[in-house]
Amino acid sequence: MSDKNILIERKDKIGVIILNQPEKRNTFNISFAKELNSALWELEKDDDIRVIVIKAAGKHFSNGKSTKYYFLKKHKGNKSKNFVFIDRIG
């Protein structure tokens, strides 16, 4: 497969988006989400495309959001306790 994270194929009137990070189990991070968004808009603007299918390379569709983008913050009322807050994917 290609070294691109998101692949786009066109088959007749079908747009196919392929999540292409099988070694990372297609885990989402901000850049991956932005690439997917760009691919969706590219196919949305194509007047020949009537349906969009999203599939994934590899064994897993997606592992979800990358834990690399989580951050820990101490709770003001209890300094010994950490809480995990999830930032929003842009």
Protein backbone atom coordinates (compact mmCIF):
# COMPACT_ATOMS: atom_id res chain seq x y z
CA MET A 1 0.00 0.00 0.00
CA SER A 2 0.90 3.67 -0.18
CA ASP A 3 2.73 5.65 2.47
CA LYS A 4 -0.19 8.12 2.67
CA ASN A 5 -2.36 7.99 5.81
CA ILE A 6 -5.63 8.45 3.91
CA LEU A 7 -6.22 7.05 0.43
CA ILE A 8 -9.01 8.04 -1.95
CA GLU A 9 -10.38 5.84 -4.72
CA ARG A 10 -13.21 6.45 -7.15
CA LYS A 11 -15.18 3.54 -8.57
CA ASP A 12 -18.03 4.56 -10.85
CA LYS A 13 -20.17 6.82 -8.64
CA ILE A 14 -18.66 5.52 -5.38
CA GLY A 15 -15.96 7.36 -3.46
CA VAL A 16 -13.86 5.11 -1.25
CA ILE A 17 -11.76 6.48 1.58
CA ILE A 18 -9.22 4.08 3.07
CA LEU A 19 -7.72 4.65 6.50
CA ASN A 20 -4.14 3.62 5.81
CA GLN A 21 -2.23 3.34 9.08
CA PRO A 22 -2.57 -0.39 9.76
CA GLU A 23 0.66 -0.49 11.79
CA LYS A 24 -0.96 2.05 14.16
CA ARG A 25 -4.37 0.35 13.97
CA ASN A 26 -5.70 3.45 12.22
CA THR A 27 -5.61 5.37 15.49
CA PHE A 28 -6.83 8.96 15.18
CA ASN A 29 -4.73 11.97 16.02
CA ILE A 30 -5.27 15.56 14.94
CA SER A 31 -3.42 15.32 11.61
CA PHE A 32 -5.11 12.00 10.73
CA ALA A 33 -8.54 13.53 11.46
CA LYS A 34 -7.72 16.57 9.33
CA GLU A 35 -6.62 14.34 6.44
CA LEU A 36 -9.87 12.38 6.69
CA ASN A 37 -11.85 15.62 6.74
CA SER A 38 -10.03 16.84 3.62
CA ALA A 39 -10.72 13.55 1.84
CA LEU A 40 -14.41 13.76 2.72
CA TRP A 41 -14.63 17.32 1.37
CA GLU A 42 -12.77 16.34 -1.80
CA LEU A 43 -15.33 13.64 -2.53
CA GLU A 44 -18.23 15.89 -1.45
CA LYS A 45 -17.22 18.40 -4.14
CA ASP A 46 -17.04 15.72 -6.86
CA ASP A 47 -20.38 15.83 -8.71
CA ASP A 48 -19.88 12.28 -10.03
CA ILE A 49 -19.73 10.74 -6.55
CA ARG A 50 -23.08 9.63 -5.11
CA VAL A 51 -21.95 7.66 -2.05
CA ILE A 52 -18.83 7.57 0.13
CA VAL A 53 -17.55 4.39 1.75
CA ILE A 54 -14.94 4.52 4.50
CA LYS A 55 -12.87 1.40 5.05
CA ALA A 56 -9.53 0.60 6.60
CA ALA A 57 -6.33 -1.10 5.58
CA GLY A 58 -5.21 -3.86 7.90
CA LYS A 59 -6.94 -5.98 10.48
CA HIS A 60 -8.60 -3.17 12.48
CA PHE A 61 -10.95 -0.43 11.32
CA SER A 62 -9.76 2.00 14.00
CA ASN A 63 -8.36 1.85 17.50
CA GLY A 64 -10.03 5.17 18.32
CA LYS A 65 -8.32 8.34 19.46
CA SER A 66 -4.61 8.36 20.24
CA THR A 67 -3.82 8.46 23.95
CA LYS A 68 -0.88 10.67 23.04
CA TYR A 69 -3.39 13.53 22.91
CA TYR A 70 -4.73 12.98 26.40
CA PHE A 71 -3.31 15.06 29.17
CA LEU A 72 -3.24 14.72 32.96
CA LYS A 73 -4.21 17.54 35.24
CA LYS A 74 -4.27 17.55 39.00
CA HIS A 75 -7.65 18.20 40.58
CA LYS A 76 -7.58 21.41 42.67
CA GLY A 77 -9.37 19.82 45.63
CA ASN A 78 -7.18 16.71 45.87
CA LYS A 79 -3.55 17.06 44.76
CA SER A 80 -2.92 13.33 45.00
CA LYS A 81 -5.57 12.49 42.42
CA ASN A 82 -5.04 12.86 38.69
CA PHE A 83 -7.88 13.19 36.25
CA VAL A 84 -7.65 12.57 32.55
CA PHE A 85 -9.13 15.18 30.25
CA ILE A 86 -9.55 14.47 26.58
CA ASP A 87 -8.93 17.30 24.17
CA ARG A 88 -11.15 17.66 21.16
CA ILE A 89 -9.83 16.55 17.79
CA GLY A 90 -9.80 19.64 15.56
